[in-house]
């Protein structure tokens, strides 16, 4: 994952997004949450989408993801205390 993102250009921004996502996956393991990050190099922001894993409704998938919320933060402040509090509240 990280190697592919580094090829896109801004190593530091991609690394912050990947490290933050990995940290969240580790901290909220077993809480039926998944996390996806993306970034905007021109605005220097990272977007985080938080999903809940729900029982499947489509027989082709093992599970479905229900979007809980999306937040965009400045890259140097990625995963602020407000965002972390919101994740804890939905977990």
C-alpha atoms as a PDB file:
ATOM      1  CA  UNK A   1       0.000   0.000   0.000  1.00  0.00           C
ATOM      2  CA  UNK A   2       2.646   2.520   1.033  1.00  0.00           C
ATOM      3  CA  UNK A   3       4.918   1.730  -1.909  1.00  0.00           C
ATOM      4  CA  UNK A   4       2.138   2.419  -4.389  1.00  0.00           C
ATOM      5  CA  UNK A   5       1.242   5.720  -2.785  1.00  0.00           C
ATOM      6  CA  UNK A   6       4.867   6.855  -2.739  1.00  0.00           C
ATOM      7  CA  UNK A   7       4.928   6.548  -6.498  1.00  0.00           C
ATOM      8  CA  UNK A   8       2.271   9.253  -6.669  1.00  0.00           C
ATOM      9  CA  UNK A   9       4.574  12.005  -5.529  1.00  0.00           C
ATOM     10  CA  UNK A  10       4.266  13.439  -2.046  1.00  0.00           C
ATOM     11  CA  UNK A  11       5.900  10.827   0.175  1.00  0.00           C
ATOM     12  CA  UNK A  12       5.271  12.558   3.467  1.00  0.00           C
ATOM     13  CA  UNK A  13       1.547  13.101   2.925  1.00  0.00           C
ATOM     14  CA  UNK A  14       1.004   9.518   1.784  1.00  0.00           C
ATOM     15  CA  UNK A  15       3.028   8.182   4.716  1.00  0.00           C
ATOM     16  CA  UNK A  16       0.979  10.219   7.221  1.00  0.00           C
ATOM     17  CA  UNK A  17      -2.252   8.886   5.737  1.00  0.00           C
ATOM     18  CA  UNK A  18      -1.008   5.283   5.777  1.00  0.00           C
ATOM     19  CA  UNK A  19       0.414   5.478   9.291  1.00  0.00           C
ATOM     20  CA  UNK A  20      -2.758   7.078  10.639  1.00  0.00           C
ATOM     21  CA  UNK A  21      -4.947   4.468   8.979  1.00  0.00           C
ATOM     22  CA  UNK A  22      -2.759   1.623  10.276  1.00  0.00           C
ATOM     23  CA  UNK A  23      -2.830   3.079  13.800  1.00  0.00           C
ATOM     24  CA  UNK A  24      -6.635   3.329  13.727  1.00  0.00           C
ATOM     25  CA  UNK A  25      -6.984  -0.255  12.457  1.00  0.00           C
ATOM     26  CA  UNK A  26      -4.766  -1.454  15.298  1.00  0.00           C
ATOM     27  CA  UNK A  27      -6.451   0.635  18.025  1.00  0.00           C
ATOM     28  CA  UNK A  28      -9.987  -0.312  17.011  1.00  0.00           C
ATOM     29  CA  UNK A  29      -9.352  -3.951  16.147  1.00  0.00           C
ATOM     30  CA  UNK A  30     -12.428  -6.091  16.762  1.00  0.00           C
ATOM     31  CA  UNK A  31     -14.811  -3.101  16.824  1.00  0.00           C
ATOM     32  CA  UNK A  32     -16.311  -3.854  13.367  1.00  0.00           C
ATOM     33  CA  UNK A  33     -14.930  -0.612  11.922  1.00  0.00           C
ATOM     34  CA  UNK A  34     -12.885  -0.044   8.784  1.00  0.00           C
ATOM     35  CA  UNK A  35     -10.987   3.072   7.756  1.00  0.00           C
ATOM     36  CA  UNK A  36     -10.065   4.473   4.356  1.00  0.00           C
ATOM     37  CA  UNK A  37      -7.830   7.480   3.731  1.00  0.00           C
ATOM     38  CA  UNK A  38      -7.238   9.721   0.759  1.00  0.00           C
ATOM     39  CA  UNK A  39      -5.403  12.995   0.415  1.00  0.00           C
ATOM     40  CA  UNK A  40      -5.271  16.203  -1.588  1.00  0.00           C
ATOM     41  CA  UNK A  41      -1.694  17.253  -2.242  1.00  0.00           C
ATOM     42  CA  UNK A  42      -2.603  20.753  -3.405  1.00  0.00           C
ATOM     43  CA  UNK A  43      -4.603  21.532  -0.239  1.00  0.00           C
ATOM     44  CA  UNK A  44      -2.322  19.452   2.036  1.00  0.00           C
ATOM     45  CA  UNK A  45      -5.315  17.664   3.588  1.00  0.00           C
ATOM     46  CA  UNK A  46      -6.113  14.055   4.426  1.00  0.00           C
ATOM     47  CA  UNK A  47      -9.656  12.696   4.301  1.00  0.00           C
ATOM     48  CA  UNK A  48     -10.717   9.836   6.524  1.00  0.00           C
ATOM     49  CA  UNK A  49     -13.813   7.748   5.890  1.00  0.00           C
ATOM     50  CA  UNK A  50     -15.045   5.542   8.736  1.00  0.00           C
ATOM     51  CA  UNK A  51     -17.249   2.542   7.956  1.00  0.00           C
ATOM     52  CA  UNK A  52     -19.053  -0.034  10.095  1.00  0.00           C
ATOM     53  CA  UNK A  53     -18.929  -3.641   8.930  1.00  0.00           C
ATOM     54  CA  UNK A  54     -22.512  -4.931   8.745  1.00  0.00           C
ATOM     55  CA  UNK A  55     -23.993  -8.333   7.869  1.00  0.00           C
ATOM     56  CA  UNK A  56     -24.085  -8.868   4.161  1.00  0.00           C
ATOM     57  CA  UNK A  57     -27.099  -7.986   2.091  1.00  0.00           C
ATOM     58  CA  UNK A  58     -25.413  -8.860  -1.190  1.00  0.00           C
ATOM     59  CA  UNK A  59     -24.722 -12.601  -1.534  1.00  0.00           C
ATOM     60  CA  UNK A  60     -21.572 -11.867  -3.558  1.00  0.00           C
ATOM     61  CA  UNK A  61     -19.838 -10.248  -0.560  1.00  0.00           C
ATOM     62  CA  UNK A  62     -18.838 -11.532   2.862  1.00  0.00           C
ATOM     63  CA  UNK A  63     -19.874  -8.239   4.458  1.00  0.00           C
ATOM     64  CA  UNK A  64     -20.980  -4.732   3.568  1.00  0.00           C
ATOM     65  CA  UNK A  65     -19.568  -1.431   4.760  1.00  0.00           C
ATOM     66  CA  UNK A  66     -21.892   1.289   6.017  1.00  0.00           C
ATOM     67  CA  UNK A  67     -20.406   4.801   5.900  1.00  0.00           C
ATOM     68  CA  UNK A  68     -20.564   6.361   9.370  1.00  0.00           C
ATOM     69  CA  UNK A  69     -18.809   9.649   8.656  1.00  0.00           C
ATOM     70  CA  UNK A  70     -16.110  11.359   6.620  1.00  0.00           C
ATOM     71  CA  UNK A  71     -13.793  14.083   7.847  1.00  0.00           C
ATOM     72  CA  UNK A  72     -11.081  16.115   6.109  1.00  0.00           C
ATOM     73  CA  UNK A  73      -8.252  17.509   8.216  1.00  0.00           C
ATOM     74  CA  UNK A  74      -4.991  19.364   7.593  1.00  0.00           C
ATOM     75  CA  UNK A  75      -2.265  16.781   6.958  1.00  0.00           C
ATOM     76  CA  UNK A  76      -0.097  17.922   9.865  1.00  0.00           C
ATOM     77  CA  UNK A  77      -3.057  17.524  12.249  1.00  0.00           C
ATOM     78  CA  UNK A  78      -4.348  14.210  10.914  1.00  0.00           C
ATOM     79  CA  UNK A  79      -6.470  12.322  13.459  1.00  0.00           C
ATOM     80  CA  UNK A  80      -7.297  15.191  15.769  1.00  0.00           C
ATOM     81  CA  UNK A  81      -8.738  14.614  19.214  1.00  0.00           C
ATOM     82  CA  UNK A  82     -12.202  15.586  17.922  1.00  0.00           C
ATOM     83  CA  UNK A  83     -12.019  12.913  15.210  1.00  0.00           C
ATOM     84  CA  UNK A  84     -10.713  10.316  17.655  1.00  0.00           C
ATOM     85  CA  UNK A  85     -13.554  11.134  20.067  1.00  0.00           C
ATOM     86  CA  UNK A  86     -16.087  10.696  17.272  1.00  0.00           C
ATOM     87  CA  UNK A  87     -14.611   7.283  16.372  1.00  0.00           C
ATOM     88  CA  UNK A  88     -14.721   6.190  20.027  1.00  0.00           C
ATOM     89  CA  UNK A  89     -18.377   7.251  20.242  1.00  0.00           C
ATOM     90  CA  UNK A  90     -19.401   5.154  17.208  1.00  0.00           C
ATOM     91  CA  UNK A  91     -17.306   2.093  18.100  1.00  0.00           C
END
